[in-house]
């Protein structure tokens, strides 16, 4: 997090990084949810330290709604959820009982959402890629990736991230090309009408429904 960061709203949404900030900026605009300040935590492993910094900023005591969105990554969503809840409890703040739940205690409305589905493993990229499943473009992407994976070294295969590669390949097919998931969202390359986004849209509406 930028150390010059200032809290300018009583509605906060803390996300992993700049790419996620761009994605949620686009989604919040789509939902016509205003007055929400996005907080770039700077990575999934920095939530503990960076939330401590955020908690100590002038204006935090005036925050009314705060949400946390994190990727599950390689472990089931419950692991990431418990990590966030542990951070909240250390500061004496209320924590929901489960992911995708919004609670209101101590004058604060708070919720935690774990990408992609609050259950299994994965990340925001997995969620967005559902919008192109079953479409011809997805077959093109899978064929392309399978082709070049045959020529990867063993070391490359160990570090390879399939969902991120699929997203980059999809974005490279659009015009104009955007080089990140978030910028693609701002350009309208992810269909927010798709059923896969229903849970995250409902979560944001529940959390920030009183911000207008």
N, C-alpha and C. Protein backbone atom coordinates (compact mmCIF):
# COMPACT_ATOMS: atom_id res chain seq x y z
N UNK A 1 0.84 -1.20 0.00
CA UNK A 1 0.00 0.00 0.00
C UNK A 1 0.88 1.25 0.00
N UNK A 2 0.48 2.19 -0.80
CA UNK A 2 1.17 3.47 -0.85
C UNK A 2 1.08 4.13 0.52
N UNK A 3 2.22 4.49 1.10
CA UNK A 3 2.23 5.06 2.45
C UNK A 3 1.64 6.46 2.50
N UNK A 4 1.37 7.04 1.35
CA UNK A 4 0.69 8.33 1.32
C UNK A 4 -0.82 8.16 1.25
N UNK A 5 -1.28 6.90 1.30
CA UNK A 5 -2.70 6.59 1.19
C UNK A 5 -3.49 7.30 2.28
N UNK A 6 -4.61 7.92 1.88
CA UNK A 6 -5.49 8.59 2.82
C UNK A 6 -6.91 8.04 2.66
N UNK A 7 -7.57 7.83 3.77
CA UNK A 7 -8.96 7.39 3.73
C UNK A 7 -9.84 8.59 3.41
N UNK A 8 -10.56 8.49 2.31
CA UNK A 8 -11.40 9.60 1.86
C UNK A 8 -12.88 9.23 1.81
N UNK A 9 -13.21 8.01 2.22
CA UNK A 9 -14.60 7.55 2.20
C UNK A 9 -14.86 6.69 3.42
N UNK A 10 -16.12 6.61 3.82
CA UNK A 10 -16.46 5.72 4.93
C UNK A 10 -16.88 4.35 4.43
N UNK A 11 -16.64 4.10 3.12
CA UNK A 11 -16.92 2.80 2.50
C UNK A 11 -15.67 2.30 1.80
N UNK A 12 -15.09 1.22 2.29
CA UNK A 12 -13.82 0.72 1.76
C UNK A 12 -13.97 -0.69 1.21
N UNK A 13 -13.22 -0.97 0.13
CA UNK A 13 -13.13 -2.32 -0.40
C UNK A 13 -11.65 -2.63 -0.60
N UNK A 14 -11.13 -3.53 0.21
CA UNK A 14 -9.71 -3.88 0.17
C UNK A 14 -9.50 -5.09 -0.73
N UNK A 15 -8.63 -4.94 -1.73
CA UNK A 15 -8.37 -6.01 -2.70
C UNK A 15 -6.87 -6.22 -2.83
N UNK A 16 -6.49 -7.28 -3.55
CA UNK A 16 -5.10 -7.70 -3.56
C UNK A 16 -4.12 -6.74 -4.24
N UNK A 17 -4.53 -6.11 -5.34
CA UNK A 17 -3.57 -5.29 -6.07
C UNK A 17 -4.21 -4.34 -7.05
N UNK A 18 -3.38 -3.72 -7.87
CA UNK A 18 -3.85 -2.72 -8.83
C UNK A 18 -4.80 -3.32 -9.85
N UNK A 19 -4.49 -4.54 -10.30
CA UNK A 19 -5.35 -5.19 -11.28
C UNK A 19 -6.75 -5.39 -10.72
N UNK A 20 -6.83 -5.84 -9.47
CA UNK A 20 -8.12 -6.04 -8.82
C UNK A 20 -8.84 -4.71 -8.60
N UNK A 21 -8.08 -3.65 -8.31
CA UNK A 21 -8.68 -2.33 -8.16
C UNK A 21 -9.38 -1.92 -9.45
N UNK A 22 -8.73 -2.14 -10.58
CA UNK A 22 -9.33 -1.80 -11.87
C UNK A 22 -10.57 -2.64 -12.15
N UNK A 23 -10.48 -3.93 -11.83
CA UNK A 23 -11.63 -4.81 -12.04
C UNK A 23 -12.82 -4.35 -11.23
N UNK A 24 -12.62 -4.09 -9.94
CA UNK A 24 -13.74 -3.71 -9.09
C UNK A 24 -14.21 -2.28 -9.34
N UNK A 25 -13.34 -1.45 -9.83
CA UNK A 25 -13.79 -0.12 -10.26
C UNK A 25 -14.82 -0.27 -11.37
N UNK A 26 -14.50 -1.15 -12.33
CA UNK A 26 -15.43 -1.38 -13.45
C UNK A 26 -16.72 -2.02 -12.96
N UNK A 27 -16.62 -3.00 -12.07
CA UNK A 27 -17.81 -3.70 -11.59
C UNK A 27 -18.69 -2.78 -10.74
N UNK A 28 -18.10 -1.97 -9.89
CA UNK A 28 -18.88 -1.04 -9.07
C UNK A 28 -19.58 0.00 -9.95
N UNK A 29 -18.90 0.45 -10.99
CA UNK A 29 -19.53 1.40 -11.92
C UNK A 29 -20.69 0.73 -12.64
N UNK A 30 -20.50 -0.52 -13.02
CA UNK A 30 -21.57 -1.27 -13.69
C UNK A 30 -22.80 -1.39 -12.78
N UNK A 31 -22.55 -1.60 -11.48
CA UNK A 31 -23.63 -1.75 -10.51
C UNK A 31 -24.18 -0.40 -10.04
N UNK A 32 -23.56 0.67 -10.49
CA UNK A 32 -23.93 2.02 -10.09
C UNK A 32 -23.82 2.19 -8.57
N UNK A 33 -22.78 1.59 -8.01
CA UNK A 33 -22.47 1.75 -6.59
C UNK A 33 -21.38 2.81 -6.49
N UNK A 34 -21.69 3.91 -5.82
CA UNK A 34 -20.77 5.04 -5.76
C UNK A 34 -20.18 5.18 -4.36
N UNK A 35 -19.22 6.08 -4.25
CA UNK A 35 -18.62 6.48 -2.96
C UNK A 35 -17.91 5.33 -2.25
N UNK A 36 -17.39 4.37 -3.01
CA UNK A 36 -16.60 3.29 -2.42
C UNK A 36 -15.14 3.53 -2.78
N UNK A 37 -14.29 3.56 -1.77
CA UNK A 37 -12.85 3.75 -2.00
C UNK A 37 -12.17 2.40 -2.06
N UNK A 38 -11.47 2.14 -3.15
CA UNK A 38 -10.74 0.88 -3.31
C UNK A 38 -9.37 0.99 -2.65
N UNK A 39 -8.99 -0.08 -1.95
CA UNK A 39 -7.71 -0.12 -1.24
C UNK A 39 -6.84 -1.20 -1.85
N UNK A 40 -5.73 -0.82 -2.43
CA UNK A 40 -4.77 -1.75 -3.02
C UNK A 40 -3.85 -2.26 -1.93
N UNK A 41 -4.09 -3.50 -1.48
CA UNK A 41 -3.29 -4.08 -0.40
C UNK A 41 -1.87 -4.40 -0.86
N UNK A 42 -1.72 -4.74 -2.14
CA UNK A 42 -0.38 -5.00 -2.68
C UNK A 42 0.01 -6.46 -2.73
N UNK A 43 -0.97 -7.37 -2.56
CA UNK A 43 -0.67 -8.80 -2.64
C UNK A 43 -1.32 -9.58 -1.52
N UNK A 44 -1.66 -10.84 -1.81
CA UNK A 44 -2.39 -11.65 -0.84
C UNK A 44 -1.62 -11.89 0.45
N UNK A 45 -0.28 -11.86 0.37
CA UNK A 45 0.53 -12.12 1.56
C UNK A 45 0.76 -10.86 2.40
N UNK A 46 0.18 -9.74 1.98
CA UNK A 46 0.42 -8.48 2.68
C UNK A 46 -0.80 -7.99 3.45
N UNK A 47 -1.87 -8.78 3.46
CA UNK A 47 -3.09 -8.34 4.12
C UNK A 47 -2.85 -8.02 5.60
N UNK A 48 -2.12 -8.85 6.29
CA UNK A 48 -1.90 -8.65 7.73
C UNK A 48 -1.19 -7.33 8.00
N UNK A 49 -0.05 -7.12 7.35
CA UNK A 49 0.73 -5.91 7.58
C UNK A 49 0.01 -4.67 7.07
N UNK A 50 -0.53 -4.76 5.88
CA UNK A 50 -1.14 -3.58 5.27
C UNK A 50 -2.47 -3.20 5.93
N UNK A 51 -3.22 -4.20 6.42
CA UNK A 51 -4.44 -3.84 7.13
C UNK A 51 -4.10 -3.13 8.43
N UNK A 52 -3.01 -3.53 9.07
CA UNK A 52 -2.57 -2.83 10.27
C UNK A 52 -2.30 -1.37 9.99
N UNK A 53 -1.68 -1.12 8.82
CA UNK A 53 -1.41 0.25 8.42
C UNK A 53 -2.71 0.99 8.13
N UNK A 54 -3.63 0.34 7.42
CA UNK A 54 -4.91 0.94 7.09
C UNK A 54 -5.71 1.25 8.37
N UNK A 55 -5.70 0.32 9.30
CA UNK A 55 -6.42 0.47 10.56
C UNK A 55 -5.93 1.69 11.34
N UNK A 56 -4.65 1.99 11.20
CA UNK A 56 -4.07 3.11 11.94
C UNK A 56 -4.18 4.45 11.24
N UNK A 57 -4.75 4.45 10.03
CA UNK A 57 -4.89 5.72 9.29
C UNK A 57 -5.98 6.59 9.89
N UNK A 58 -5.75 7.91 9.80
CA UNK A 58 -6.78 8.86 10.21
C UNK A 58 -8.03 8.62 9.36
N UNK A 59 -9.16 8.56 10.00
CA UNK A 59 -10.41 8.36 9.28
C UNK A 59 -10.95 6.95 9.37
N UNK A 60 -10.14 5.99 9.83
CA UNK A 60 -10.64 4.61 9.88
C UNK A 60 -11.79 4.48 10.87
N UNK A 61 -11.76 5.23 11.94
CA UNK A 61 -12.82 5.15 12.95
C UNK A 61 -14.17 5.59 12.39
N UNK A 62 -14.16 6.30 11.26
CA UNK A 62 -15.40 6.77 10.65
C UNK A 62 -15.92 5.82 9.57
N UNK A 63 -15.17 4.75 9.29
CA UNK A 63 -15.57 3.80 8.26
C UNK A 63 -16.84 3.07 8.70
N UNK A 64 -17.81 2.98 7.80
CA UNK A 64 -19.08 2.33 8.09
C UNK A 64 -19.21 0.96 7.43
N UNK A 65 -18.62 0.82 6.24
CA UNK A 65 -18.67 -0.44 5.51
C UNK A 65 -17.28 -0.77 4.99
N UNK A 66 -16.87 -2.02 5.16
CA UNK A 66 -15.58 -2.44 4.63
C UNK A 66 -15.67 -3.89 4.16
N UNK A 67 -15.17 -4.11 2.97
CA UNK A 67 -15.16 -5.45 2.41
C UNK A 67 -13.75 -5.88 2.08
N UNK A 68 -13.53 -7.19 2.10
CA UNK A 68 -12.23 -7.76 1.76
C UNK A 68 -12.43 -8.80 0.66
N UNK A 69 -11.64 -8.71 -0.39
CA UNK A 69 -11.70 -9.70 -1.46
C UNK A 69 -10.30 -10.25 -1.68
N UNK A 70 -10.20 -11.59 -1.62
CA UNK A 70 -8.89 -12.25 -1.77
C UNK A 70 -9.05 -13.51 -2.59
N UNK A 71 -8.00 -13.89 -3.29
CA UNK A 71 -7.99 -15.15 -4.04
C UNK A 71 -7.78 -16.32 -3.09
N UNK A 72 -8.38 -17.44 -3.42
CA UNK A 72 -8.14 -18.66 -2.65
C UNK A 72 -6.75 -19.23 -2.99
N UNK A 73 -6.35 -19.08 -4.26
CA UNK A 73 -5.09 -19.64 -4.76
C UNK A 73 -5.13 -21.16 -4.71
N UNK A 74 -4.04 -21.80 -4.22
CA UNK A 74 -3.93 -23.26 -4.29
C UNK A 74 -4.70 -23.99 -3.19
N UNK A 75 -5.10 -23.27 -2.14
CA UNK A 75 -5.80 -23.90 -1.02
C UNK A 75 -7.29 -23.60 -1.10
N UNK A 76 -8.13 -24.43 -0.48
CA UNK A 76 -9.57 -24.14 -0.47
C UNK A 76 -9.85 -22.76 0.12
N UNK A 77 -10.97 -22.16 -0.25
CA UNK A 77 -11.31 -20.80 0.14
C UNK A 77 -11.30 -20.60 1.66
N UNK A 78 -11.64 -21.63 2.41
CA UNK A 78 -11.74 -21.50 3.86
C UNK A 78 -10.42 -21.04 4.48
N UNK A 79 -9.31 -21.46 3.89
CA UNK A 79 -8.01 -21.09 4.42
C UNK A 79 -7.78 -19.58 4.31
N UNK A 80 -8.07 -19.01 3.14
CA UNK A 80 -7.91 -17.56 2.95
C UNK A 80 -8.91 -16.80 3.82
N UNK A 81 -10.11 -17.34 3.93
CA UNK A 81 -11.14 -16.70 4.76
C UNK A 81 -10.70 -16.62 6.21
N UNK A 82 -10.20 -17.71 6.76
CA UNK A 82 -9.76 -17.73 8.14
C UNK A 82 -8.59 -16.77 8.38
N UNK A 83 -7.75 -16.65 7.36
CA UNK A 83 -6.62 -15.72 7.47
C UNK A 83 -7.11 -14.28 7.63
N UNK A 84 -8.08 -13.89 6.79
CA UNK A 84 -8.65 -12.54 6.88
C UNK A 84 -9.34 -12.33 8.22
N UNK A 85 -10.13 -13.31 8.64
CA UNK A 85 -10.85 -13.19 9.91
C UNK A 85 -9.88 -13.06 11.10
N UNK A 86 -8.77 -13.78 11.03
CA UNK A 86 -7.77 -13.69 12.07
C UNK A 86 -7.19 -12.29 12.17
N UNK A 87 -6.99 -11.65 11.03
CA UNK A 87 -6.47 -10.28 10.98
C UNK A 87 -7.47 -9.32 11.63
N UNK A 88 -8.74 -9.50 11.32
CA UNK A 88 -9.78 -8.63 11.88
C UNK A 88 -9.88 -8.78 13.39
N UNK A 89 -9.87 -10.01 13.85
CA UNK A 89 -10.03 -10.27 15.28
C UNK A 89 -8.87 -9.72 16.09
N UNK A 90 -7.68 -9.71 15.51
CA UNK A 90 -6.52 -9.16 16.22
C UNK A 90 -6.69 -7.67 16.50
N UNK A 91 -7.49 -7.01 15.67
CA UNK A 91 -7.76 -5.58 15.86
C UNK A 91 -9.06 -5.35 16.64
N UNK A 92 -9.65 -6.43 17.13
CA UNK A 92 -10.88 -6.30 17.90
C UNK A 92 -12.09 -5.99 17.06
N UNK A 93 -12.02 -6.31 15.78
CA UNK A 93 -13.12 -6.04 14.87
C UNK A 93 -13.97 -7.29 14.67
N UNK A 94 -15.24 -7.13 14.34
CA UNK A 94 -16.09 -8.29 14.10
C UNK A 94 -15.70 -9.00 12.81
N UNK A 95 -15.97 -10.29 12.74
CA UNK A 95 -15.67 -11.07 11.54
C UNK A 95 -16.86 -11.95 11.22
N UNK A 96 -17.17 -12.10 9.94
CA UNK A 96 -18.28 -12.98 9.55
C UNK A 96 -17.98 -14.44 9.87
N UNK A 97 -19.00 -15.26 9.88
CA UNK A 97 -18.84 -16.68 10.19
C UNK A 97 -18.42 -17.50 8.97
N UNK A 98 -18.67 -16.94 7.79
CA UNK A 98 -18.36 -17.68 6.57
C UNK A 98 -18.13 -16.70 5.42
N UNK A 99 -17.47 -17.15 4.36
CA UNK A 99 -17.26 -16.28 3.20
C UNK A 99 -18.59 -15.88 2.56
N UNK A 100 -18.59 -14.72 1.92
CA UNK A 100 -19.76 -14.22 1.20
C UNK A 100 -20.88 -13.80 2.15
N UNK A 101 -20.55 -13.65 3.43
CA UNK A 101 -21.52 -13.20 4.42
C UNK A 101 -21.20 -11.75 4.79
N UNK A 102 -22.23 -10.92 4.91
CA UNK A 102 -22.06 -9.54 5.36
C UNK A 102 -22.73 -9.41 6.71
N UNK A 103 -21.98 -8.94 7.71
CA UNK A 103 -22.54 -8.77 9.05
C UNK A 103 -22.45 -7.30 9.46
N UNK A 104 -23.20 -6.94 10.47
CA UNK A 104 -23.17 -5.57 10.98
C UNK A 104 -23.07 -5.63 12.50
N UNK A 105 -21.91 -5.26 13.02
CA UNK A 105 -21.67 -5.25 14.46
C UNK A 105 -20.75 -4.08 14.80
N UNK A 106 -20.88 -3.59 16.02
CA UNK A 106 -20.03 -2.49 16.49
C UNK A 106 -20.11 -1.28 15.57
N UNK A 107 -21.27 -1.08 14.95
CA UNK A 107 -21.44 0.06 14.06
C UNK A 107 -20.72 -0.08 12.74
N UNK A 108 -20.29 -1.30 12.41
CA UNK A 108 -19.52 -1.53 11.19
C UNK A 108 -20.14 -2.68 10.40
N UNK A 109 -20.35 -2.45 9.12
CA UNK A 109 -20.80 -3.51 8.23
C UNK A 109 -19.57 -4.07 7.54
N UNK A 110 -19.41 -5.40 7.59
CA UNK A 110 -18.16 -6.00 7.11
C UNK A 110 -18.44 -7.34 6.42
N UNK A 111 -17.68 -7.62 5.37
CA UNK A 111 -17.84 -8.87 4.64
C UNK A 111 -16.54 -9.32 4.00
N UNK A 112 -16.42 -10.61 3.79
CA UNK A 112 -15.23 -11.20 3.17
C UNK A 112 -15.66 -12.08 2.01
N UNK A 113 -15.04 -11.88 0.85
CA UNK A 113 -15.34 -12.68 -0.33
C UNK A 113 -14.05 -13.31 -0.83
N UNK A 114 -14.08 -14.62 -1.04
CA UNK A 114 -12.89 -15.34 -1.50
C UNK A 114 -13.11 -15.82 -2.93
N UNK A 115 -12.29 -15.33 -3.83
CA UNK A 115 -12.38 -15.72 -5.23
C UNK A 115 -11.85 -17.14 -5.45
N UNK A 116 -12.44 -17.89 -6.41
CA UNK A 116 -13.49 -17.44 -7.32
C UNK A 116 -14.92 -17.73 -6.86
N UNK A 117 -15.11 -18.66 -5.91
CA UNK A 117 -16.48 -19.08 -5.59
C UNK A 117 -16.73 -19.30 -4.09
N UNK A 118 -15.81 -18.80 -3.24
CA UNK A 118 -15.95 -18.94 -1.78
C UNK A 118 -15.91 -20.38 -1.30
N UNK A 119 -15.47 -21.30 -2.15
CA UNK A 119 -15.44 -22.72 -1.78
C UNK A 119 -14.09 -23.36 -2.07
N UNK A 120 -13.80 -23.50 -3.35
CA UNK A 120 -12.62 -24.24 -3.75
C UNK A 120 -11.39 -23.38 -3.96
N UNK A 121 -10.47 -23.88 -4.75
CA UNK A 121 -9.24 -23.17 -5.06
C UNK A 121 -9.46 -22.24 -6.26
N UNK A 122 -8.45 -21.42 -6.54
CA UNK A 122 -8.53 -20.58 -7.72
C UNK A 122 -8.40 -19.10 -7.42
N UNK A 123 -8.76 -18.29 -8.41
CA UNK A 123 -8.54 -16.85 -8.31
C UNK A 123 -9.53 -16.10 -9.20
N UNK A 124 -9.41 -14.78 -9.20
CA UNK A 124 -10.29 -13.94 -10.00
C UNK A 124 -10.25 -14.34 -11.47
N UNK A 125 -9.08 -14.73 -11.96
CA UNK A 125 -8.97 -15.14 -13.36
C UNK A 125 -9.90 -16.30 -13.69
N UNK A 126 -10.01 -17.26 -12.77
CA UNK A 126 -10.91 -18.39 -12.99
C UNK A 126 -12.36 -17.94 -13.15
N UNK A 127 -12.74 -16.96 -12.34
CA UNK A 127 -14.10 -16.45 -12.41
C UNK A 127 -14.36 -15.78 -13.76
N UNK A 128 -13.47 -14.91 -14.17
CA UNK A 128 -13.66 -14.19 -15.43
C UNK A 128 -13.67 -15.12 -16.63
N UNK A 129 -12.86 -16.16 -16.59
CA UNK A 129 -12.78 -17.09 -17.71
C UNK A 129 -14.07 -17.86 -17.93
N UNK A 130 -14.91 -17.93 -16.90
CA UNK A 130 -16.20 -18.61 -17.07
C UNK A 130 -17.08 -17.91 -18.10
N UNK A 131 -16.82 -16.63 -18.32
CA UNK A 131 -17.65 -15.87 -19.27
C UNK A 131 -17.41 -16.29 -20.72
N UNK A 132 -16.31 -16.97 -20.99
CA UNK A 132 -16.04 -17.38 -22.37
C UNK A 132 -16.10 -18.89 -22.56
N UNK A 133 -16.43 -19.63 -21.51
CA UNK A 133 -16.56 -21.08 -21.64
C UNK A 133 -17.70 -21.41 -22.61
N UNK A 134 -17.46 -22.39 -23.45
CA UNK A 134 -18.47 -22.81 -24.41
C UNK A 134 -18.49 -21.97 -25.68
N UNK A 135 -17.63 -20.97 -25.75
CA UNK A 135 -17.56 -20.12 -26.93
C UNK A 135 -16.39 -20.54 -27.81
N UNK A 136 -16.47 -20.30 -29.12
CA UNK A 136 -15.37 -20.68 -30.03
C UNK A 136 -14.03 -20.09 -29.62
N UNK A 137 -14.04 -18.86 -29.06
CA UNK A 137 -12.79 -18.22 -28.67
C UNK A 137 -12.06 -19.04 -27.61
N UNK A 138 -12.83 -19.73 -26.75
CA UNK A 138 -12.20 -20.54 -25.71
C UNK A 138 -11.48 -21.74 -26.30
N UNK A 139 -12.04 -22.33 -27.34
CA UNK A 139 -11.36 -23.44 -28.02
C UNK A 139 -10.05 -22.96 -28.63
N UNK A 140 -10.07 -21.78 -29.22
CA UNK A 140 -8.86 -21.21 -29.81
C UNK A 140 -7.78 -21.02 -28.74
N UNK A 141 -8.20 -20.49 -27.60
CA UNK A 141 -7.25 -20.24 -26.50
C UNK A 141 -6.65 -21.54 -26.00
N UNK A 142 -7.49 -22.55 -25.76
CA UNK A 142 -7.01 -23.83 -25.24
C UNK A 142 -6.07 -24.52 -26.22
N UNK A 143 -6.39 -24.47 -27.50
CA UNK A 143 -5.52 -25.08 -28.51
C UNK A 143 -4.18 -24.38 -28.58
N UNK A 144 -4.20 -23.07 -28.50
CA UNK A 144 -2.97 -22.28 -28.55
C UNK A 144 -2.07 -22.59 -27.35
N UNK A 145 -2.68 -22.61 -26.17
CA UNK A 145 -1.90 -22.85 -24.96
C UNK A 145 -1.35 -24.27 -24.93
N UNK A 146 -2.14 -25.23 -25.32
CA UNK A 146 -1.65 -26.62 -25.35
C UNK A 146 -0.48 -26.75 -26.31
N UNK A 147 -0.53 -25.99 -27.39
CA UNK A 147 0.56 -26.04 -28.37
C UNK A 147 1.87 -25.56 -27.77
N UNK A 148 1.87 -24.38 -27.18
CA UNK A 148 3.15 -23.87 -26.70
C UNK A 148 3.60 -24.53 -25.40
N UNK A 149 2.67 -25.14 -24.64
CA UNK A 149 3.06 -25.85 -23.42
C UNK A 149 3.95 -27.06 -23.74
N UNK A 150 3.80 -27.59 -24.94
CA UNK A 150 4.62 -28.73 -25.35
C UNK A 150 6.10 -28.36 -25.46
N UNK A 151 6.38 -27.07 -25.59
CA UNK A 151 7.76 -26.63 -25.79
C UNK A 151 8.34 -25.94 -24.55
N UNK A 152 7.62 -25.98 -23.46
CA UNK A 152 8.13 -25.39 -22.23
C UNK A 152 9.17 -26.31 -21.59
N UNK A 153 10.11 -25.68 -20.90
CA UNK A 153 11.06 -26.46 -20.13
C UNK A 153 10.38 -26.96 -18.87
N UNK A 154 10.97 -27.93 -18.20
CA UNK A 154 10.40 -28.45 -16.97
C UNK A 154 10.31 -27.37 -15.90
N UNK A 155 11.30 -26.47 -15.88
CA UNK A 155 11.29 -25.38 -14.90
C UNK A 155 10.14 -24.42 -15.18
N UNK A 156 9.87 -24.14 -16.45
CA UNK A 156 8.75 -23.27 -16.82
C UNK A 156 7.42 -23.90 -16.43
N UNK A 157 7.32 -25.20 -16.63
CA UNK A 157 6.07 -25.89 -16.30
C UNK A 157 5.75 -25.81 -14.81
N UNK A 158 6.78 -25.81 -13.97
CA UNK A 158 6.58 -25.73 -12.52
C UNK A 158 5.97 -24.39 -12.11
N UNK A 159 6.33 -23.34 -12.82
CA UNK A 159 5.89 -22.00 -12.45
C UNK A 159 4.71 -21.51 -13.28
N UNK A 160 4.25 -22.33 -14.20
CA UNK A 160 3.22 -21.91 -15.14
C UNK A 160 1.87 -21.73 -14.46
N UNK A 161 1.19 -20.66 -14.79
CA UNK A 161 -0.13 -20.37 -14.23
C UNK A 161 -1.14 -20.39 -15.38
N UNK A 162 -1.88 -21.46 -15.48
CA UNK A 162 -2.78 -21.65 -16.60
C UNK A 162 -3.88 -20.59 -16.70
N UNK A 163 -4.60 -20.27 -15.60
CA UNK A 163 -5.64 -19.25 -15.70
C UNK A 163 -5.11 -17.89 -16.15
N UNK A 164 -3.97 -17.49 -15.62
CA UNK A 164 -3.40 -16.19 -16.01
C UNK A 164 -3.00 -16.20 -17.49
N UNK A 165 -2.48 -17.34 -17.96
CA UNK A 165 -2.10 -17.45 -19.37
C UNK A 165 -3.33 -17.36 -20.26
N UNK A 166 -4.42 -18.01 -19.83
CA UNK A 166 -5.66 -17.97 -20.61
C UNK A 166 -6.21 -16.55 -20.69
N UNK A 167 -6.16 -15.83 -19.58
CA UNK A 167 -6.64 -14.45 -19.56
C UNK A 167 -5.82 -13.59 -20.50
N UNK A 168 -4.49 -13.74 -20.42
CA UNK A 168 -3.62 -12.94 -21.29
C UNK A 168 -3.85 -13.26 -22.76
N UNK A 169 -4.07 -14.52 -23.05
CA UNK A 169 -4.32 -14.93 -24.45
C UNK A 169 -5.64 -14.35 -24.94
N UNK A 170 -6.66 -14.40 -24.09
CA UNK A 170 -7.96 -13.83 -24.45
C UNK A 170 -7.84 -12.33 -24.70
N UNK A 171 -7.17 -11.62 -23.80
CA UNK A 171 -7.04 -10.17 -23.95
C UNK A 171 -6.25 -9.80 -25.20
N UNK A 172 -5.30 -10.68 -25.57
CA UNK A 172 -4.52 -10.43 -26.79
C UNK A 172 -5.36 -10.58 -28.05
N UNK A 173 -6.53 -11.23 -27.90
CA UNK A 173 -7.40 -11.43 -29.06
C UNK A 173 -8.35 -10.24 -29.26
N UNK A 174 -8.42 -9.34 -28.27
CA UNK A 174 -9.34 -8.21 -28.35
C UNK A 174 -8.67 -7.00 -28.99
N UNK A 175 -9.50 -6.10 -29.46
CA UNK A 175 -8.97 -4.89 -30.08
C UNK A 175 -9.71 -3.67 -29.53
N UNK A 176 -8.98 -2.75 -28.89
CA UNK A 176 -7.54 -2.76 -28.69
C UNK A 176 -7.11 -3.74 -27.61
N UNK A 177 -5.90 -4.23 -27.71
CA UNK A 177 -5.36 -5.18 -26.74
C UNK A 177 -5.16 -4.49 -25.39
N UNK A 178 -5.55 -5.16 -24.33
CA UNK A 178 -5.27 -4.72 -22.97
C UNK A 178 -4.44 -5.81 -22.30
N UNK A 179 -3.43 -5.39 -21.54
CA UNK A 179 -2.48 -6.38 -21.03
C UNK A 179 -2.74 -6.84 -19.60
N UNK A 180 -3.91 -6.53 -19.06
CA UNK A 180 -4.23 -7.02 -17.72
C UNK A 180 -5.73 -7.22 -17.58
N UNK A 181 -6.09 -8.11 -16.68
CA UNK A 181 -7.50 -8.44 -16.45
C UNK A 181 -8.30 -7.20 -16.06
N UNK A 182 -7.73 -6.38 -15.17
CA UNK A 182 -8.43 -5.19 -14.71
C UNK A 182 -8.66 -4.17 -15.80
N UNK A 183 -7.65 -3.93 -16.62
CA UNK A 183 -7.81 -3.00 -17.73
C UNK A 183 -8.83 -3.54 -18.74
N UNK A 184 -8.85 -4.86 -18.89
CA UNK A 184 -9.85 -5.48 -19.75
C UNK A 184 -11.26 -5.24 -19.23
N UNK A 185 -11.40 -5.28 -17.89
CA UNK A 185 -12.71 -5.02 -17.28
C UNK A 185 -13.14 -3.58 -17.54
N UNK A 186 -12.22 -2.64 -17.40
CA UNK A 186 -12.54 -1.24 -17.65
C UNK A 186 -12.94 -1.01 -19.10
N UNK A 187 -12.42 -1.85 -19.99
CA UNK A 187 -12.74 -1.73 -21.41
C UNK A 187 -14.01 -2.48 -21.77
N UNK A 188 -14.55 -3.24 -20.83
CA UNK A 188 -15.78 -3.97 -21.08
C UNK A 188 -15.59 -5.35 -21.68
N UNK A 189 -14.40 -5.95 -21.50
CA UNK A 189 -14.11 -7.24 -22.11
C UNK A 189 -14.62 -8.43 -21.31
N UNK A 190 -15.12 -8.20 -20.09
CA UNK A 190 -15.73 -9.28 -19.30
C UNK A 190 -17.22 -8.97 -19.17
N UNK A 191 -18.03 -9.93 -19.50
CA UNK A 191 -19.48 -9.74 -19.53
C UNK A 191 -20.06 -9.82 -18.11
N UNK A 192 -20.32 -8.66 -17.51
CA UNK A 192 -20.83 -8.63 -16.14
C UNK A 192 -22.27 -9.13 -16.04
N UNK A 193 -22.91 -9.38 -17.17
CA UNK A 193 -24.25 -9.96 -17.17
C UNK A 193 -24.20 -11.47 -16.97
N UNK A 194 -23.02 -12.05 -17.10
CA UNK A 194 -22.88 -13.50 -17.01
C UNK A 194 -23.24 -13.99 -15.61
N UNK A 195 -23.83 -15.17 -15.56
CA UNK A 195 -24.27 -15.77 -14.31
C UNK A 195 -23.14 -15.94 -13.30
N UNK A 196 -21.92 -16.12 -13.78
CA UNK A 196 -20.80 -16.38 -12.86
C UNK A 196 -20.52 -15.20 -11.93
N UNK A 197 -20.97 -14.00 -12.30
CA UNK A 197 -20.72 -12.82 -11.47
C UNK A 197 -21.86 -12.52 -10.49
N UNK A 198 -22.90 -13.35 -10.48
CA UNK A 198 -24.06 -13.05 -9.64
C UNK A 198 -23.72 -12.97 -8.16
N UNK A 199 -22.91 -13.90 -7.66
CA UNK A 199 -22.60 -13.91 -6.23
C UNK A 199 -21.80 -12.68 -5.81
N UNK A 200 -20.80 -12.32 -6.58
CA UNK A 200 -19.98 -11.16 -6.20
C UNK A 200 -20.79 -9.87 -6.34
N UNK A 201 -21.69 -9.80 -7.30
CA UNK A 201 -22.54 -8.62 -7.44
C UNK A 201 -23.49 -8.50 -6.24
N UNK A 202 -24.06 -9.62 -5.82
CA UNK A 202 -24.97 -9.60 -4.67
C UNK A 202 -24.20 -9.22 -3.40
N UNK A 203 -22.99 -9.72 -3.28
CA UNK A 203 -22.15 -9.40 -2.12
C UNK A 203 -21.91 -7.89 -2.04
N UNK A 204 -21.51 -7.29 -3.14
CA UNK A 204 -21.23 -5.86 -3.17
C UNK A 204 -22.49 -5.04 -2.88
N UNK A 205 -23.62 -5.48 -3.40
CA UNK A 205 -24.88 -4.77 -3.14
C UNK A 205 -25.26 -4.84 -1.66
N UNK A 206 -25.11 -6.02 -1.06
CA UNK A 206 -25.44 -6.16 0.37
C UNK A 206 -24.52 -5.28 1.23
N UNK A 207 -23.26 -5.25 0.85
CA UNK A 207 -22.27 -4.52 1.66
C UNK A 207 -22.43 -3.02 1.54
N UNK A 208 -22.70 -2.56 0.33
CA UNK A 208 -22.70 -1.10 0.10
C UNK A 208 -24.07 -0.54 -0.27
N UNK A 209 -25.12 -1.23 0.08
CA UNK A 209 -26.46 -0.82 -0.35
C UNK A 209 -26.88 0.52 0.23
N UNK A 210 -26.26 0.97 1.31
CA UNK A 210 -26.65 2.23 1.96
C UNK A 210 -25.67 3.36 1.69
N UNK A 211 -24.88 3.25 0.62
CA UNK A 211 -23.84 4.25 0.38
C UNK A 211 -24.31 5.46 -0.41
N UNK A 212 -25.47 5.36 -1.03
CA UNK A 212 -25.92 6.47 -1.89
C UNK A 212 -26.37 7.66 -1.05
